[in-house]
Amino acid sequence: MQTIQFSDFQKVDIRIGTIVSAEIFKEARRPAYKLQVDLGDLGIKKSSAQITENYKAEDIIGKQVVCICNFPPKQIANIMSEILVTGFHNEHGHVVLATVDLPVPNGAKLS
C-alpha cells in the first residue's frame, strides 16, 4: 500500500450528514437509491448509492452517514451527484454504509 502525507489526507473533506430523502433510482444501470443528505452549513446535497441489497429506502431516512464532500460533481443517469456517501463491501460484496455510533452535528468534519 502506498503511504501518503498527513497533508494529503487533509485535502479530503470528510463530513457527516443525515439522509433526509431516499427513493428508488429507476434510471440507474444498477439498483440504487437517489439520496438527499443534510450536511449542515453545506446544505442538502444529492447522491446516488448502490445500497439496495442491505437497506430499504424508508429505513435509512434519518441515518447519519460519512460523506466525501469535495469530489467534483458527477453525472449519474439523470442526476448530478454532489457527494460520495461512503461504505464498505461486506462478505457478499454489498455496500454497508459508513456511519457513526452516536449522533453528531450535520456537517461535522472528520478529525
N, C-alpha and C. Protein backbone atom coordinates (compact mmCIF):
# COMPACT_ATOMS: atom_id res chain seq x y z
N MET A 1 0.84 -1.17 0.00
CA MET A 1 0.00 0.00 0.00
C MET A 1 0.90 1.24 0.00
N GLN A 2 0.51 2.22 -0.79
CA GLN A 2 1.26 3.47 -0.86
C GLN A 2 0.96 4.33 0.37
N THR A 3 1.99 4.93 0.94
CA THR A 3 1.77 5.85 2.06
C THR A 3 1.55 7.25 1.52
N ILE A 4 0.83 8.06 2.31
CA ILE A 4 0.57 9.45 1.95
C ILE A 4 0.99 10.34 3.12
N GLN A 5 1.13 11.58 2.83
CA GLN A 5 1.43 12.56 3.87
C GLN A 5 0.13 12.99 4.54
N PHE A 6 0.23 13.44 5.80
CA PHE A 6 -0.96 13.92 6.50
C PHE A 6 -1.61 15.08 5.74
N SER A 7 -0.80 15.88 5.08
CA SER A 7 -1.34 17.00 4.29
C SER A 7 -2.22 16.49 3.14
N ASP A 8 -1.92 15.31 2.61
CA ASP A 8 -2.77 14.71 1.57
C ASP A 8 -4.14 14.35 2.15
N PHE A 9 -4.12 13.74 3.32
CA PHE A 9 -5.37 13.37 4.00
C PHE A 9 -6.22 14.61 4.28
N GLN A 10 -5.57 15.70 4.66
CA GLN A 10 -6.30 16.92 5.00
C GLN A 10 -7.01 17.53 3.79
N LYS A 11 -6.63 17.15 2.59
CA LYS A 11 -7.27 17.67 1.38
C LYS A 11 -8.66 17.06 1.18
N VAL A 12 -8.92 15.92 1.78
CA VAL A 12 -10.20 15.23 1.61
C VAL A 12 -11.19 15.79 2.64
N ASP A 13 -12.30 16.33 2.15
CA ASP A 13 -13.33 16.92 3.02
C ASP A 13 -14.32 15.82 3.39
N ILE A 14 -14.12 15.23 4.56
CA ILE A 14 -14.95 14.12 5.03
C ILE A 14 -15.86 14.65 6.13
N ARG A 15 -17.17 14.54 5.89
CA ARG A 15 -18.15 15.09 6.83
C ARG A 15 -19.29 14.10 7.08
N ILE A 16 -20.00 14.37 8.17
CA ILE A 16 -21.18 13.57 8.50
C ILE A 16 -22.42 14.31 8.00
N GLY A 17 -23.37 13.55 7.52
CA GLY A 17 -24.64 14.12 7.08
C GLY A 17 -25.77 13.15 7.40
N THR A 18 -26.98 13.69 7.42
CA THR A 18 -28.16 12.87 7.70
C THR A 18 -28.97 12.70 6.43
N ILE A 19 -29.30 11.46 6.12
CA ILE A 19 -30.14 11.17 4.95
C ILE A 19 -31.55 11.70 5.24
N VAL A 20 -32.02 12.62 4.40
CA VAL A 20 -33.35 13.19 4.59
C VAL A 20 -34.34 12.69 3.54
N SER A 21 -33.83 12.09 2.47
CA SER A 21 -34.70 11.57 1.43
C SER A 21 -33.99 10.41 0.74
N ALA A 22 -34.76 9.36 0.45
CA ALA A 22 -34.22 8.20 -0.28
C ALA A 22 -35.33 7.63 -1.13
N GLU A 23 -35.04 7.47 -2.41
CA GLU A 23 -36.04 6.88 -3.31
C GLU A 23 -35.34 6.02 -4.35
N ILE A 24 -36.07 5.06 -4.88
CA ILE A 24 -35.52 4.18 -5.91
C ILE A 24 -35.05 5.02 -7.09
N PHE A 25 -33.85 4.74 -7.57
CA PHE A 25 -33.25 5.44 -8.70
C PHE A 25 -33.49 4.59 -9.94
N LYS A 26 -34.68 4.76 -10.52
CA LYS A 26 -35.12 3.92 -11.64
C LYS A 26 -34.22 4.01 -12.86
N GLU A 27 -33.62 5.18 -13.07
CA GLU A 27 -32.81 5.40 -14.26
C GLU A 27 -31.39 4.84 -14.14
N ALA A 28 -30.97 4.43 -12.97
CA ALA A 28 -29.61 3.91 -12.76
C ALA A 28 -29.45 2.56 -13.44
N ARG A 29 -28.24 2.27 -13.90
CA ARG A 29 -27.96 0.99 -14.56
C ARG A 29 -28.04 -0.17 -13.57
N ARG A 30 -27.52 0.06 -12.36
CA ARG A 30 -27.57 -0.96 -11.29
C ARG A 30 -28.52 -0.46 -10.21
N PRO A 31 -29.15 -1.36 -9.48
CA PRO A 31 -30.09 -0.93 -8.43
C PRO A 31 -29.43 0.06 -7.46
N ALA A 32 -30.11 1.18 -7.25
CA ALA A 32 -29.55 2.24 -6.40
C ALA A 32 -30.69 3.10 -5.87
N TYR A 33 -30.33 3.95 -4.91
CA TYR A 33 -31.24 4.96 -4.39
C TYR A 33 -30.72 6.34 -4.75
N LYS A 34 -31.64 7.27 -4.97
CA LYS A 34 -31.32 8.69 -5.02
C LYS A 34 -31.42 9.18 -3.58
N LEU A 35 -30.37 9.79 -3.11
CA LEU A 35 -30.35 10.28 -1.73
C LEU A 35 -30.23 11.79 -1.70
N GLN A 36 -30.82 12.39 -0.67
CA GLN A 36 -30.56 13.77 -0.31
C GLN A 36 -30.03 13.72 1.11
N VAL A 37 -28.87 14.37 1.31
CA VAL A 37 -28.17 14.30 2.59
C VAL A 37 -27.98 15.71 3.13
N ASP A 38 -28.43 15.93 4.37
CA ASP A 38 -28.28 17.22 5.03
C ASP A 38 -26.88 17.30 5.63
N LEU A 39 -26.08 18.23 5.11
CA LEU A 39 -24.71 18.42 5.57
C LEU A 39 -24.54 19.73 6.33
N GLY A 40 -25.57 20.14 7.06
CA GLY A 40 -25.47 21.33 7.89
C GLY A 40 -25.23 22.57 7.06
N ASP A 41 -24.15 23.31 7.36
CA ASP A 41 -23.84 24.56 6.67
C ASP A 41 -23.62 24.38 5.17
N LEU A 42 -23.27 23.17 4.73
CA LEU A 42 -23.07 22.93 3.30
C LEU A 42 -24.39 22.75 2.56
N GLY A 43 -25.48 22.58 3.30
CA GLY A 43 -26.80 22.40 2.70
C GLY A 43 -27.14 20.95 2.44
N ILE A 44 -28.20 20.76 1.69
CA ILE A 44 -28.64 19.41 1.33
C ILE A 44 -28.05 19.07 -0.03
N LYS A 45 -27.35 17.94 -0.08
CA LYS A 45 -26.65 17.52 -1.29
C LYS A 45 -27.23 16.20 -1.80
N LYS A 46 -27.15 16.02 -3.14
CA LYS A 46 -27.66 14.81 -3.79
C LYS A 46 -26.54 13.79 -4.00
N SER A 47 -26.95 12.53 -3.95
CA SER A 47 -26.02 11.45 -4.23
C SER A 47 -26.80 10.23 -4.71
N SER A 48 -26.09 9.30 -5.28
CA SER A 48 -26.64 8.00 -5.66
C SER A 48 -25.89 6.95 -4.86
N ALA A 49 -26.61 5.95 -4.39
CA ALA A 49 -25.95 4.91 -3.59
C ALA A 49 -26.49 3.54 -3.96
N GLN A 50 -25.58 2.63 -4.28
CA GLN A 50 -25.94 1.25 -4.61
C GLN A 50 -25.97 0.44 -3.31
N ILE A 51 -27.02 0.67 -2.54
CA ILE A 51 -27.14 0.04 -1.22
C ILE A 51 -28.46 -0.71 -1.06
N THR A 52 -29.11 -1.01 -2.17
CA THR A 52 -30.44 -1.62 -2.11
C THR A 52 -30.44 -3.04 -1.55
N GLU A 53 -29.30 -3.73 -1.60
CA GLU A 53 -29.24 -5.09 -1.08
C GLU A 53 -29.36 -5.13 0.44
N ASN A 54 -28.84 -4.10 1.12
CA ASN A 54 -28.82 -4.10 2.58
C ASN A 54 -29.82 -3.16 3.24
N TYR A 55 -30.39 -2.23 2.47
CA TYR A 55 -31.23 -1.21 3.08
C TYR A 55 -32.51 -0.97 2.28
N LYS A 56 -33.60 -0.74 3.00
CA LYS A 56 -34.85 -0.27 2.41
C LYS A 56 -34.82 1.25 2.50
N ALA A 57 -35.34 1.90 1.48
CA ALA A 57 -35.30 3.37 1.43
C ALA A 57 -35.88 4.00 2.69
N GLU A 58 -37.01 3.49 3.14
CA GLU A 58 -37.67 4.10 4.31
C GLU A 58 -36.89 3.90 5.60
N ASP A 59 -36.02 2.89 5.63
CA ASP A 59 -35.26 2.61 6.86
C ASP A 59 -34.00 3.47 7.02
N ILE A 60 -33.56 4.11 5.94
CA ILE A 60 -32.33 4.90 6.05
C ILE A 60 -32.59 6.39 6.25
N ILE A 61 -33.84 6.80 6.19
CA ILE A 61 -34.17 8.20 6.47
C ILE A 61 -33.78 8.47 7.92
N GLY A 62 -33.01 9.53 8.15
CA GLY A 62 -32.56 9.87 9.49
C GLY A 62 -31.21 9.26 9.86
N LYS A 63 -30.68 8.36 9.02
CA LYS A 63 -29.38 7.74 9.31
C LYS A 63 -28.26 8.73 8.98
N GLN A 64 -27.31 8.84 9.90
CA GLN A 64 -26.14 9.68 9.64
C GLN A 64 -25.09 8.85 8.90
N VAL A 65 -24.50 9.45 7.85
CA VAL A 65 -23.53 8.75 7.01
C VAL A 65 -22.30 9.61 6.79
N VAL A 66 -21.18 8.94 6.56
CA VAL A 66 -19.92 9.61 6.29
C VAL A 66 -19.84 9.90 4.79
N CYS A 67 -19.55 11.17 4.46
CA CYS A 67 -19.56 11.61 3.07
C CYS A 67 -18.25 12.30 2.69
N ILE A 68 -17.85 12.12 1.44
CA ILE A 68 -16.75 12.90 0.86
C ILE A 68 -17.42 14.05 0.12
N CYS A 69 -17.03 15.27 0.49
CA CYS A 69 -17.76 16.45 0.00
C CYS A 69 -17.00 17.29 -1.01
N ASN A 70 -15.76 16.93 -1.34
CA ASN A 70 -15.04 17.79 -2.27
C ASN A 70 -14.56 17.09 -3.54
N PHE A 71 -15.25 16.01 -3.93
CA PHE A 71 -15.06 15.49 -5.28
C PHE A 71 -15.84 16.39 -6.23
N PRO A 72 -15.43 16.47 -7.49
CA PRO A 72 -16.24 17.25 -8.43
C PRO A 72 -17.59 16.56 -8.63
N PRO A 73 -18.65 17.33 -8.91
CA PRO A 73 -19.95 16.71 -9.18
C PRO A 73 -19.84 15.71 -10.33
N LYS A 74 -20.65 14.64 -10.26
CA LYS A 74 -20.60 13.59 -11.27
C LYS A 74 -22.01 13.29 -11.76
N GLN A 75 -22.18 13.30 -13.07
CA GLN A 75 -23.48 12.97 -13.66
C GLN A 75 -23.69 11.46 -13.57
N ILE A 76 -24.79 11.06 -12.93
CA ILE A 76 -25.18 9.66 -12.85
C ILE A 76 -26.61 9.58 -13.35
N ALA A 77 -26.76 9.01 -14.53
CA ALA A 77 -28.08 8.97 -15.21
C ALA A 77 -28.62 10.40 -15.26
N ASN A 78 -29.77 10.65 -14.64
CA ASN A 78 -30.38 11.97 -14.75
C ASN A 78 -30.18 12.86 -13.53
N ILE A 79 -29.24 12.52 -12.64
CA ILE A 79 -28.96 13.41 -11.51
C ILE A 79 -27.47 13.76 -11.48
N MET A 80 -27.18 14.89 -10.87
CA MET A 80 -25.80 15.30 -10.65
C MET A 80 -25.46 14.96 -9.20
N SER A 81 -24.61 13.95 -9.02
CA SER A 81 -24.20 13.55 -7.68
C SER A 81 -23.20 14.57 -7.16
N GLU A 82 -23.47 15.11 -5.97
CA GLU A 82 -22.65 16.18 -5.41
C GLU A 82 -21.69 15.70 -4.32
N ILE A 83 -21.96 14.54 -3.77
CA ILE A 83 -21.14 13.99 -2.69
C ILE A 83 -21.02 12.48 -2.89
N LEU A 84 -20.04 11.89 -2.23
CA LEU A 84 -19.90 10.44 -2.21
C LEU A 84 -20.29 9.96 -0.81
N VAL A 85 -21.33 9.17 -0.73
CA VAL A 85 -21.71 8.53 0.53
C VAL A 85 -20.86 7.27 0.63
N THR A 86 -20.14 7.12 1.74
CA THR A 86 -19.15 6.05 1.83
C THR A 86 -19.70 4.79 2.49
N GLY A 87 -19.01 3.70 2.24
CA GLY A 87 -19.37 2.43 2.84
C GLY A 87 -18.30 1.39 2.57
N PHE A 88 -18.55 0.20 3.06
CA PHE A 88 -17.62 -0.92 2.92
C PHE A 88 -18.39 -2.11 2.34
N HIS A 89 -17.70 -2.90 1.52
CA HIS A 89 -18.32 -4.12 0.99
C HIS A 89 -18.28 -5.21 2.05
N ASN A 90 -19.43 -5.87 2.24
CA ASN A 90 -19.47 -6.99 3.17
C ASN A 90 -18.99 -8.26 2.47
N GLU A 91 -19.12 -9.40 3.15
CA GLU A 91 -18.64 -10.66 2.58
C GLU A 91 -19.39 -11.08 1.32
N HIS A 92 -20.55 -10.47 1.05
CA HIS A 92 -21.33 -10.77 -0.15
C HIS A 92 -21.11 -9.75 -1.26
N GLY A 93 -20.24 -8.75 -0.99
CA GLY A 93 -19.96 -7.72 -1.99
C GLY A 93 -20.98 -6.59 -2.00
N HIS A 94 -21.84 -6.53 -0.98
CA HIS A 94 -22.85 -5.48 -0.89
C HIS A 94 -22.37 -4.38 0.06
N VAL A 95 -22.71 -3.13 -0.28
CA VAL A 95 -22.22 -1.99 0.50
C VAL A 95 -22.96 -1.84 1.82
N VAL A 96 -22.17 -1.67 2.88
CA VAL A 96 -22.66 -1.34 4.21
C VAL A 96 -22.23 0.10 4.46
N LEU A 97 -23.16 0.95 4.80
CA LEU A 97 -22.87 2.37 4.97
C LEU A 97 -21.89 2.63 6.11
N ALA A 98 -20.99 3.59 5.89
CA ALA A 98 -20.09 4.07 6.95
C ALA A 98 -20.86 5.13 7.73
N THR A 99 -20.94 4.95 9.03
CA THR A 99 -21.76 5.80 9.86
C THR A 99 -21.07 6.03 11.21
N VAL A 100 -21.77 6.69 12.12
CA VAL A 100 -21.25 6.94 13.47
C VAL A 100 -22.14 6.22 14.47
N ASP A 101 -21.61 5.94 15.66
CA ASP A 101 -22.41 5.22 16.64
C ASP A 101 -23.16 6.14 17.60
N LEU A 102 -22.82 7.43 17.59
CA LEU A 102 -23.54 8.44 18.37
C LEU A 102 -23.82 9.63 17.47
N PRO A 103 -24.94 10.33 17.67
CA PRO A 103 -25.25 11.48 16.81
C PRO A 103 -24.21 12.60 16.94
N VAL A 104 -23.89 13.22 15.82
CA VAL A 104 -23.03 14.40 15.76
C VAL A 104 -23.70 15.44 14.88
N PRO A 105 -23.32 16.71 15.01
CA PRO A 105 -23.97 17.74 14.18
C PRO A 105 -23.71 17.52 12.69
N ASN A 106 -24.76 17.69 11.88
CA ASN A 106 -24.60 17.59 10.43
C ASN A 106 -23.54 18.56 9.94
N GLY A 107 -22.69 18.09 9.07
CA GLY A 107 -21.61 18.92 8.53
C GLY A 107 -20.33 18.82 9.32
N ALA A 108 -20.34 18.12 10.47
CA ALA A 108 -19.10 17.98 11.26
C ALA A 108 -18.05 17.28 10.43
N LYS A 109 -16.82 17.79 10.51
CA LYS A 109 -15.70 17.22 9.74
C LYS A 109 -15.04 16.09 10.52
N LEU A 110 -14.56 15.10 9.79
CA LEU A 110 -13.79 14.02 10.39
C LEU A 110 -12.49 14.59 10.92
N SER A 111 -12.17 14.22 12.14
CA SER A 111 -10.90 14.71 12.71
C SER A 111 -10.18 13.58 13.43
